[in-house]
PDB file of all heavy atoms in Angstrom:
ATOM      1  N   LEU A   1     115.373  67.774  92.116  1.00  0.00           N
ATOM      2  CA  LEU A   1     114.765  68.226  93.363  1.00  0.00           C
ATOM      3  C   LEU A   1     115.228  69.645  93.695  1.00  0.00           C
ATOM      4  O   LEU A   1     114.416  70.495  94.088  1.00  0.00           O
ATOM      5  CB  LEU A   1     115.124  67.273  94.502  1.00  0.00           C
ATOM      6  CG  LEU A   1     114.616  67.679  95.900  1.00  0.00           C
ATOM      7  CD1 LEU A   1     113.088  67.753  95.907  1.00  0.00           C
ATOM      8  CD2 LEU A   1     115.125  66.714  96.961  1.00  0.00           C
ATOM      9  N   ALA A   2     116.526  69.906  93.525  1.00  0.00           N
ATOM     10  CA  ALA A   2     117.046  71.247  93.809  1.00  0.00           C
ATOM     11  C   ALA A   2     116.427  72.271  92.870  1.00  0.00           C
ATOM     12  O   ALA A   2     116.040  73.370  93.300  1.00  0.00           O
ATOM     13  CB  ALA A   2     118.565  71.245  93.674  1.00  0.00           C
ATOM     14  N   TYR A   3     116.324  71.921  91.592  1.00  0.00           N
ATOM     15  CA  TYR A   3     115.730  72.843  90.623  1.00  0.00           C
ATOM     16  C   TYR A   3     114.271  73.122  90.964  1.00  0.00           C
ATOM     17  O   TYR A   3     113.814  74.281  90.941  1.00  0.00           O
ATOM     18  CB  TYR A   3     115.843  72.277  89.219  1.00  0.00           C
ATOM     19  CG  TYR A   3     115.043  73.057  88.205  1.00  0.00           C
ATOM     20  CD1 TYR A   3     115.460  74.308  87.768  1.00  0.00           C
ATOM     21  CD2 TYR A   3     113.833  72.553  87.713  1.00  0.00           C
ATOM     22  CE1 TYR A   3     114.706  75.038  86.859  1.00  0.00           C
ATOM     23  CE2 TYR A   3     113.081  73.277  86.805  1.00  0.00           C
ATOM     24  CZ  TYR A   3     113.510  74.517  86.380  1.00  0.00           C
ATOM     25  OH  TYR A   3     112.766  75.239  85.494  1.00  0.00           O
ATOM     26  N   ASN A   4     113.526  72.080  91.280  1.00  0.00           N
ATOM     27  CA  ASN A   4     112.104  72.247  91.608  1.00  0.00           C
ATOM     28  C   ASN A   4     111.927  73.038  92.903  1.00  0.00           C
ATOM     29  O   ASN A   4     110.950  73.776  93.062  1.00  0.00           O
ATOM     30  CB  ASN A   4     111.419  70.886  91.708  1.00  0.00           C
ATOM     31  CG  ASN A   4     111.249  70.219  90.349  1.00  0.00           C
ATOM     32  OD1 ASN A   4     111.054  70.895  89.344  1.00  0.00           O
ATOM     33  ND2 ASN A   4     111.339  68.901  90.304  1.00  0.00           N
ATOM     34  N   THR A   5     112.856  72.870  93.838  1.00  0.00           N
ATOM     35  CA  THR A   5     112.791  73.638  95.084  1.00  0.00           C
ATOM     36  C   THR A   5     112.969  75.123  94.804  1.00  0.00           C
ATOM     37  O   THR A   5     112.309  75.974  95.412  1.00  0.00           O
ATOM     38  CB  THR A   5     113.861  73.155  96.075  1.00  0.00           C
ATOM     39  OG1 THR A   5     113.645  71.768  96.362  1.00  0.00           O
ATOM     40  CG2 THR A   5     113.809  73.948  97.377  1.00  0.00           C
ATOM     41  N   GLN A   6     113.841  75.438  93.856  1.00  0.00           N
ATOM     42  CA  GLN A   6     113.991  76.843  93.471  1.00  0.00           C
ATOM     43  C   GLN A   6     112.681  77.374  92.888  1.00  0.00           C
ATOM     44  O   GLN A   6     112.278  78.506  93.177  1.00  0.00           O
ATOM     45  CB  GLN A   6     115.110  77.007  92.457  1.00  0.00           C
ATOM     46  CG  GLN A   6     115.307  78.451  92.005  1.00  0.00           C
ATOM     47  CD  GLN A   6     116.573  78.650  91.185  1.00  0.00           C
ATOM     48  OE1 GLN A   6     117.419  77.763  91.113  1.00  0.00           O
ATOM     49  NE2 GLN A   6     116.711  79.806  90.579  1.00  0.00           N
ATOM     50  N   GLY A   7     112.019  76.546  92.102  1.00  0.00           N
ATOM     51  CA  GLY A   7     110.730  76.949  91.552  1.00  0.00           C
ATOM     52  C   GLY A   7     109.686  77.205  92.620  1.00  0.00           C
ATOM     53  O   GLY A   7     108.888  78.145  92.519  1.00  0.00           O
ATOM     54  N   LEU A   8     109.708  76.396  93.678  1.00  0.00           N
ATOM     55  CA  LEU A   8     108.774  76.604  94.785  1.00  0.00           C
ATOM     56  C   LEU A   8     109.058  77.931  95.491  1.00  0.00           C
ATOM     57  O   LEU A   8     108.135  78.645  95.906  1.00  0.00           O
ATOM     58  CB  LEU A   8     108.870  75.440  95.775  1.00  0.00           C
ATOM     59  CG  LEU A   8     108.430  74.071  95.243  1.00  0.00           C
ATOM     60  CD1 LEU A   8     108.711  72.987  96.280  1.00  0.00           C
ATOM     61  CD2 LEU A   8     106.948  74.082  94.880  1.00  0.00           C
ATOM     62  N   GLY A   9     110.342  78.263  95.630  1.00  0.00           N
ATOM     63  CA  GLY A   9     110.706  79.546  96.224  1.00  0.00           C
ATOM     64  C   GLY A   9     110.206  80.705  95.385  1.00  0.00           C
ATOM     65  O   GLY A   9     109.714  81.716  95.917  1.00  0.00           O
ATOM     66  N   MET A  10     110.297  80.563  94.074  1.00  0.00           N
ATOM     67  CA  MET A  10     109.798  81.622  93.195  1.00  0.00           C
ATOM     68  C   MET A  10     108.283  81.768  93.315  1.00  0.00           C
ATOM     69  O   MET A  10     107.749  82.879  93.233  1.00  0.00           O
ATOM     70  CB  MET A  10     110.196  81.315  91.748  1.00  0.00           C
ATOM     71  CG  MET A  10     111.692  81.380  91.493  1.00  0.00           C
ATOM     72  SD  MET A  10     112.145  80.974  89.788  1.00  0.00           S
ATOM     73  CE  MET A  10     111.442  82.372  88.909  1.00  0.00           C
ATOM     74  N   THR A  11     107.593  80.637  93.532  1.00  0.00           N
ATOM     75  CA  THR A  11     106.144  80.685  93.716  1.00  0.00           C
ATOM     76  C   THR A  11     105.786  81.529  94.930  1.00  0.00           C
ATOM     77  O   THR A  11     104.884  82.381  94.875  1.00  0.00           O
ATOM     78  CB  THR A  11     105.586  79.259  93.885  1.00  0.00           C
ATOM     79  OG1 THR A  11     105.826  78.516  92.681  1.00  0.00           O
ATOM     80  CG2 THR A  11     104.091  79.294  94.154  1.00  0.00           C
ATOM     81  N   VAL A  12     106.486  81.299  96.040  1.00  0.00           N
ATOM     82  CA  VAL A  12     106.252  82.111  97.242  1.00  0.00           C
ATOM     83  C   VAL A  12     106.577  83.580  96.952  1.00  0.00           C
ATOM     84  O   VAL A  12     105.858  84.497  97.370  1.00  0.00           O
ATOM     85  CB  VAL A  12     107.099  81.594  98.420  1.00  0.00           C
ATOM     86  CG1 VAL A  12     106.975  82.522  99.629  1.00  0.00           C
ATOM     87  CG2 VAL A  12     106.685  80.176  98.796  1.00  0.00           C
ATOM     88  N   GLY A  13     107.652  83.810  96.208  1.00  0.00           N
ATOM     89  CA  GLY A  13     108.036  85.172  95.855  1.00  0.00           C
ATOM     90  C   GLY A  13     106.976  85.884  95.037  1.00  0.00           C
ATOM     91  O   GLY A  13     106.759  87.091  95.202  1.00  0.00           O
ATOM     92  N   PHE A  14     106.269  85.151  94.159  1.00  0.00           N
ATOM     93  CA  PHE A  14     105.216  85.761  93.340  1.00  0.00           C
ATOM     94  C   PHE A  14     104.103  86.338  94.217  1.00  0.00           C
ATOM     95  O   PHE A  14     103.532  87.383  93.898  1.00  0.00           O
ATOM     96  CB  PHE A  14     104.627  84.737  92.371  1.00  0.00           C
ATOM     97  CG  PHE A  14     105.534  84.372  91.232  1.00  0.00           C
ATOM     98  CD1 PHE A  14     105.463  83.114  90.652  1.00  0.00           C
ATOM     99  CD2 PHE A  14     106.453  85.284  90.741  1.00  0.00           C
ATOM    100  CE1 PHE A  14     106.299  82.769  89.603  1.00  0.00           C
ATOM    101  CE2 PHE A  14     107.303  84.946  89.688  1.00  0.00           C
ATOM    102  CZ  PHE A  14     107.219  83.686  89.117  1.00  0.00           C
ATOM    103  N   VAL A  15     103.775  85.643  95.295  1.00  0.00           N
ATOM    104  CA  VAL A  15     102.723  86.136  96.189  1.00  0.00           C
ATOM    105  C   VAL A  15     103.144  87.474  96.797  1.00  0.00           C
ATOM    106  O   VAL A  15     102.384  88.454  96.790  1.00  0.00           O
ATOM    107  CB  VAL A  15     102.415  85.114  97.302  1.00  0.00           C
ATOM    108  CG1 VAL A  15     101.379  85.680  98.273  1.00  0.00           C
ATOM    109  CG2 VAL A  15     101.919  83.802  96.705  1.00  0.00           C
ATOM    110  N   LEU A  16     104.367  87.528  97.307  1.00  0.00           N
ATOM    111  CA  LEU A  16     104.869  88.757  97.923  1.00  0.00           C
ATOM    112  C   LEU A  16     105.041  89.868  96.890  1.00  0.00           C
ATOM    113  O   LEU A  16     104.765  91.046  97.171  1.00  0.00           O
ATOM    114  CB  LEU A  16     106.191  88.470  98.632  1.00  0.00           C
ATOM    115  CG  LEU A  16     106.098  87.469  99.790  1.00  0.00           C
ATOM    116  CD1 LEU A  16     107.494  87.042 100.247  1.00  0.00           C
ATOM    117  CD2 LEU A  16     105.314  88.064 100.950  1.00  0.00           C
ATOM    118  N   LEU A  17     105.478  89.493  95.688  1.00  0.00           N
ATOM    119  CA  LEU A  17     105.596  90.464  94.599  1.00  0.00           C
ATOM    120  C   LEU A  17     104.247  91.089  94.290  1.00  0.00           C
ATOM    121  O   LEU A  17     104.123  92.318  94.149  1.00  0.00           O
ATOM    122  CB  LEU A  17     106.153  89.774  93.354  1.00  0.00           C
ATOM    123  CG  LEU A  17     105.988  90.484  92.004  1.00  0.00           C
ATOM    124  CD1 LEU A  17     106.713  91.817  92.002  1.00  0.00           C
ATOM    125  CD2 LEU A  17     106.498  89.600  90.871  1.00  0.00           C
ATOM    126  N   GLY A  18     103.215  90.257  94.196  1.00  0.00           N
ATOM    127  CA  GLY A  18     101.889  90.767  93.884  1.00  0.00           C
ATOM    128  C   GLY A  18     101.362  91.707  94.952  1.00  0.00           C
ATOM    129  O   GLY A  18     100.804  92.766  94.649  1.00  0.00           O
ATOM    130  N   LEU A  19     101.550  91.347  96.214  1.00  0.00           N
ATOM    131  CA  LEU A  19     101.053  92.183  97.303  1.00  0.00           C
ATOM    132  C   LEU A  19     101.780  93.528  97.351  1.00  0.00           C
ATOM    133  O   LEU A  19     101.153  94.584  97.500  1.00  0.00           O
ATOM    134  CB  LEU A  19     101.205  91.445  98.634  1.00  0.00           C
ATOM    135  CG  LEU A  19     100.351  90.183  98.801  1.00  0.00           C
ATOM    136  CD1 LEU A  19     100.684  89.479 100.109  1.00  0.00           C
ATOM    137  CD2 LEU A  19      98.864  90.520  98.736  1.00  0.00           C
ATOM    138  N   GLY A  20     103.108  93.491  97.236  1.00  0.00           N
ATOM    139  CA  GLY A  20     103.874  94.735  97.255  1.00  0.00           C
ATOM    140  C   GLY A  20     103.539  95.634  96.091  1.00  0.00           C
ATOM    141  O   GLY A  20     103.367  96.856  96.244  1.00  0.00           O
ATOM    142  N   SER A  21     103.415  95.048  94.907  1.00  0.00           N
ATOM    143  CA  SER A  21     103.098  95.840  93.721  1.00  0.00           C
ATOM    144  C   SER A  21     101.693  96.423  93.797  1.00  0.00           C
ATOM    145  O   SER A  21     101.444  97.530  93.302  1.00  0.00           O
ATOM    146  CB  SER A  21     103.240  94.975  92.464  1.00  0.00           C
ATOM    147  OG  SER A  21     104.582  94.562  92.287  1.00  0.00           O
ATOM    148  N   ALA A  22     100.766  95.681  94.405  1.00  0.00           N
ATOM    149  CA  ALA A  22      99.403  96.191  94.556  1.00  0.00           C
ATOM    150  C   ALA A  22      99.385  97.433  95.444  1.00  0.00           C
ATOM    151  O   ALA A  22      98.672  98.410  95.160  1.00  0.00           O
ATOM    152  CB  ALA A  22      98.495  95.107  95.144  1.00  0.00           C
ATOM    153  N   VAL A  23     100.171  97.422  96.509  1.00  0.00           N
ATOM    154  CA  VAL A  23     100.246  98.582  97.404  1.00  0.00           C
ATOM    155  C   VAL A  23     100.821  99.788  96.655  1.00  0.00           C
ATOM    156  O   VAL A  23     100.273 100.901  96.725  1.00  0.00           O
ATOM    157  CB  VAL A  23     101.101  98.265  98.648  1.00  0.00           C
ATOM    158  CG1 VAL A  23     101.325  99.531  99.477  1.00  0.00           C
ATOM    159  CG2 VAL A  23     100.432  97.194  99.502  1.00  0.00           C
ATOM    160  N   PHE A  24     101.915  99.575  95.943  1.00  0.00           N
ATOM    161  CA  PHE A  24     102.527 100.678  95.198  1.00  0.00           C
ATOM    162  C   PHE A  24     101.576 101.211  94.121  1.00  0.00           C
ATOM    163  O   PHE A  24     101.477 102.419  93.905  1.00  0.00           O
ATOM    164  CB  PHE A  24     103.838 100.227  94.562  1.00  0.00           C
ATOM    165  CG  PHE A  24     104.977 100.112  95.534  1.00  0.00           C
ATOM    166  CD1 PHE A  24     105.962  99.143  95.354  1.00  0.00           C
ATOM    167  CD2 PHE A  24     105.100 100.959  96.617  1.00  0.00           C
ATOM    168  CE1 PHE A  24     107.035  99.031  96.239  1.00  0.00           C
ATOM    169  CE2 PHE A  24     106.156 100.864  97.512  1.00  0.00           C
ATOM    170  CZ  PHE A  24     107.122  99.893  97.315  1.00  0.00           C
ATOM    171  N   ALA A  25     100.881 100.306  93.419  1.00  0.00           N
ATOM    172  CA  ALA A  25      99.954 100.735  92.370  1.00  0.00           C
ATOM    173  C   ALA A  25      98.796 101.531  92.971  1.00  0.00           C
ATOM    174  O   ALA A  25      98.330 102.514  92.373  1.00  0.00           O
ATOM    175  CB  ALA A  25      99.425  99.517  91.605  1.00  0.00           C
ATOM    176  N   TYR A  26      98.318 101.125  94.142  1.00  0.00           N
ATOM    177  CA  TYR A  26      97.253 101.869  94.815  1.00  0.00           C
ATOM    178  C   TYR A  26      97.715 103.293  95.122  1.00  0.00           C
ATOM    179  O   TYR A  26      96.965 104.263  94.911  1.00  0.00           O
ATOM    180  CB  TYR A  26      96.854 101.152  96.101  1.00  0.00           C
ATOM    181  CG  TYR A  26      95.962 101.977  96.999  1.00  0.00           C
ATOM    182  CD1 TYR A  26      94.612 102.168  96.703  1.00  0.00           C
ATOM    183  CD2 TYR A  26      96.487 102.591  98.136  1.00  0.00           C
ATOM    184  CE1 TYR A  26      93.802 102.954  97.521  1.00  0.00           C
ATOM    185  CE2 TYR A  26      95.678 103.369  98.963  1.00  0.00           C
ATOM    186  CZ  TYR A  26      94.343 103.541  98.655  1.00  0.00           C
ATOM    187  OH  TYR A  26      93.553 104.316  99.469  1.00  0.00           O
ATOM    188  N   LEU A  27      98.932 103.433  95.623  1.00  0.00           N
ATOM    189  CA  LEU A  27      99.449 104.765  95.936  1.00  0.00           C
ATOM    190  C   LEU A  27      99.631 105.598  94.665  1.00  0.00           C
ATOM    191  O   LEU A  27      99.408 106.810  94.668  1.00  0.00           O
ATOM    192  CB  LEU A  27     100.768 104.655  96.698  1.00  0.00           C
ATOM    193  CG  LEU A  27     100.652 104.109  98.124  1.00  0.00           C
ATOM    194  CD1 LEU A  27     102.033 103.994  98.767  1.00  0.00           C
ATOM    195  CD2 LEU A  27      99.745 104.990  98.970  1.00  0.00           C
ATOM    196  N   LEU A  28     100.030 104.959  93.576  1.00  0.00           N
ATOM    197  CA  LEU A  28     100.121 105.679  92.300  1.00  0.00           C
ATOM    198  C   LEU A  28      98.752 106.164  91.862  1.00  0.00           C
ATOM    199  O   LEU A  28      98.611 107.270  91.323  1.00  0.00           O
ATOM    200  CB  LEU A  28     100.721 104.759  91.227  1.00  0.00           C
ATOM    201  CG  LEU A  28     102.234 104.653  91.161  1.00  0.00           C
ATOM    202  CD1 LEU A  28     102.638 103.612  90.113  1.00  0.00           C
ATOM    203  CD2 LEU A  28     102.883 105.990  90.830  1.00  0.00           C
ATOM    204  N   LEU A  29      97.723 105.349  92.080  1.00  0.00           N
ATOM    205  CA  LEU A  29      96.367 105.742  91.724  1.00  0.00           C
ATOM    206  C   LEU A  29      95.925 106.955  92.535  1.00  0.00           C
ATOM    207  O   LEU A  29      95.345 107.904  91.998  1.00  0.00           O
ATOM    208  CB  LEU A  29      95.408 104.567  91.962  1.00  0.00           C
ATOM    209  CG  LEU A  29      93.925 104.839  91.677  1.00  0.00           C
ATOM    210  CD1 LEU A  29      93.708 105.171  90.208  1.00  0.00           C
ATOM    211  CD2 LEU A  29      93.079 103.639  92.083  1.00  0.00           C
ATOM    212  N   LYS A  30      96.208 106.936  93.837  1.00  0.00           N
ATOM    213  CA  LYS A  30      95.822 108.051  94.697  1.00  0.00           C
ATOM    214  C   LYS A  30      96.616 109.323  94.380  1.00  0.00           C
ATOM    215  O   LYS A  30      96.107 110.428  94.515  1.00  0.00           O
ATOM    216  CB  LYS A  30      96.015 107.675  96.169  1.00  0.00           C
ATOM    217  CG  LYS A  30      95.221 106.462  96.625  1.00  0.00           C
ATOM    218  CD  LYS A  30      93.724 106.647  96.491  1.00  0.00           C
ATOM    219  CE  LYS A  30      93.164 107.628  97.485  1.00  0.00           C
ATOM    220  NZ  LYS A  30      91.681 107.694  97.428  1.00  0.00           N
ATOM    221  N   SER A  31      97.840 109.139  93.950  1.00  0.00           N
ATOM    222  CA  SER A  31      98.698 110.309  93.706  1.00  0.00           C
ATOM    223  C   SER A  31      98.361 111.049  92.423  1.00  0.00           C
ATOM    224  O   SER A  31      98.587 112.243  92.307  1.00  0.00           O
ATOM    225  CB  SER A  31     100.167 109.859  93.650  1.00  0.00           C
ATOM    226  OG  SER A  31     100.427 109.135  92.457  1.00  0.00           O
ATOM    227  N   ARG A  32      97.849 110.325  91.429  1.00  0.00           N
ATOM    228  CA  ARG A  32      97.605 110.864  90.086  1.00  0.00           C
ATOM    229  C   ARG A  32      98.896 111.327  89.418  1.00  0.00           C
ATOM    230  O   ARG A  32      98.878 112.204  88.565  1.00  0.00           O
ATOM    231  CB  ARG A  32      96.585 112.026  90.123  1.00  0.00           C
ATOM    232  CG  ARG A  32      95.240 111.669  90.750  1.00  0.00           C
ATOM    233  CD  ARG A  32      94.565 110.503  90.034  1.00  0.00           C
ATOM    234  NE  ARG A  32      93.136 110.428  90.338  1.00  0.00           N
ATOM    235  CZ  ARG A  32      92.609 109.736  91.350  1.00  0.00           C
ATOM    236  NH1 ARG A  32      93.411 109.070  92.165  1.00  0.00           N
ATOM    237  NH2 ARG A  32      91.300 109.708  91.535  1.00  0.00           N
ATOM    238  N   TYR A  33     100.009 110.732  89.803  1.00  0.00           N
ATOM    239  CA  TYR A  33     101.285 111.072  89.168  1.00  0.00           C
ATOM    240  C   TYR A  33     101.350 110.562  87.731  1.00  0.00           C
ATOM    241  O   TYR A  33     102.139 111.066  86.924  1.00  0.00           O
ATOM    242  CB  TYR A  33     102.453 110.478  89.949  1.00  0.00           C
ATOM    243  CG  TYR A  33     102.733 111.125  91.286  1.00  0.00           C
ATOM    244  CD1 TYR A  33     103.383 110.409  92.293  1.00  0.00           C
ATOM    245  CD2 TYR A  33     102.379 112.444  91.547  1.00  0.00           C
ATOM    246  CE1 TYR A  33     103.652 110.997  93.527  1.00  0.00           C
ATOM    247  CE2 TYR A  33     102.641 113.035  92.765  1.00  0.00           C
ATOM    248  CZ  TYR A  33     103.279 112.301  93.763  1.00  0.00           C
ATOM    249  OH  TYR A  33     103.547 112.875  94.980  1.00  0.00           O
ATOM    250  N   VAL A  34     100.588 109.508  87.430  1.00  0.00           N
ATOM    251  CA  VAL A  34     100.564 108.912  86.098  1.00  0.00           C
ATOM    252  C   VAL A  34      99.105 108.736  85.691  1.00  0.00           C
ATOM    253  O   VAL A  34      98.208 108.809  86.540  1.00  0.00           O
ATOM    254  CB  VAL A  34     101.295 107.547  86.070  1.00  0.00           C
ATOM    255  CG1 VAL A  34     102.772 107.713  86.386  1.00  0.00           C
ATOM    256  CG2 VAL A  34     100.650 106.561  87.033  1.00  0.00           C
ATOM    257  N   PRO A  35      98.823 108.512  84.413  1.00  0.00           N
ATOM    258  CA  PRO A  35      97.436 108.311  83.983  1.00  0.00           C
ATOM    259  C   PRO A  35      96.762 107.186  84.768  1.00  0.00           C
ATOM    260  O   PRO A  35      97.373 106.159  85.060  1.00  0.00           O
ATOM    261  CB  PRO A  35      97.578 107.958  82.502  1.00  0.00           C
ATOM    262  CG  PRO A  35      98.845 108.624  82.078  1.00  0.00           C
ATOM    263  CD  PRO A  35      99.750 108.528  83.268  1.00  0.00           C
ATOM    264  N   THR A  36      95.493 107.366  85.057  1.00  0.00           N
ATOM    265  CA  THR A  36      94.760 106.459  85.939  1.00  0.00           C
ATOM    266  C   THR A  36      94.767 105.014  85.456  1.00  0.00           C
ATOM    267  O   THR A  36      94.802 104.074  86.265  1.00  0.00           O
ATOM    268  CB  THR A  36      93.300 106.946  86.090  1.00  0.00           C
ATOM    269  OG1 THR A  36      93.313 108.279  86.609  1.00  0.00           O
ATOM    270  CG2 THR A  36      92.521 106.045  87.026  1.00  0.00           C
ATOM    271  N   PHE A  37      94.721 104.803  84.133  1.00  0.00           N
ATOM    272  CA  PHE A  37      94.601 103.436  83.636  1.00  0.00           C
ATOM    273  C   PHE A  37      95.809 102.575  84.011  1.00  0.00           C
ATOM    274  O   PHE A  37      95.669 101.350  84.174  1.00  0.00           O
ATOM    275  CB  PHE A  37      94.403 103.430  82.116  1.00  0.00           C
ATOM    276  CG  PHE A  37      95.640 103.735  81.317  1.00  0.00           C
ATOM    277  CD1 PHE A  37      96.490 102.711  80.899  1.00  0.00           C
ATOM    278  CD2 PHE A  37      95.965 105.047  80.973  1.00  0.00           C
ATOM    279  CE1 PHE A  37      97.625 102.988  80.149  1.00  0.00           C
ATOM    280  CE2 PHE A  37      97.101 105.329  80.244  1.00  0.00           C
ATOM    281  CZ  PHE A  37      97.936 104.306  79.827  1.00  0.00           C
ATOM    282  N   LEU A  38      96.975 103.193  84.181  1.00  0.00           N
ATOM    283  CA  LEU A  38      98.168 102.412  84.517  1.00  0.00           C
ATOM    284  C   LEU A  38      98.087 101.807  85.917  1.00  0.00           C
ATOM    285  O   LEU A  38      98.246 100.594  86.079  1.00  0.00           O
ATOM    286  CB  LEU A  38      99.423 103.272  84.353  1.00  0.00           C
ATOM    287  CG  LEU A  38      99.944 103.452  82.924  1.00  0.00           C
ATOM    288  CD1 LEU A  38     101.063 104.491  82.890  1.00  0.00           C
ATOM    289  CD2 LEU A  38     100.438 102.120  82.368  1.00  0.00           C
ATOM    290  N   PRO A  39      97.848 102.597  86.975  1.00  0.00           N
ATOM    291  CA  PRO A  39      97.745 101.976  88.295  1.00  0.00           C
ATOM    292  C   PRO A  39      96.545 101.056  88.448  1.00  0.00           C
ATOM    293  O   PRO A  39      96.603 100.090  89.212  1.00  0.00           O
ATOM    294  CB  PRO A  39      97.671 103.171  89.254  1.00  0.00           C
ATOM    295  CG  PRO A  39      97.285 104.333  88.421  1.00  0.00           C
ATOM    296  CD  PRO A  39      97.843 104.071  87.066  1.00  0.00           C
TER     297      PRO A  39
END
């Protein structure tokens, strides 16, 4: 149960990870600091 609860916490973390990374990638796209295909 404890192990599976940790897995559930990681699941919630994935949602926040995706949202935060999407914002940063959008800003990288607007900045043109790196090739467009990456962001």
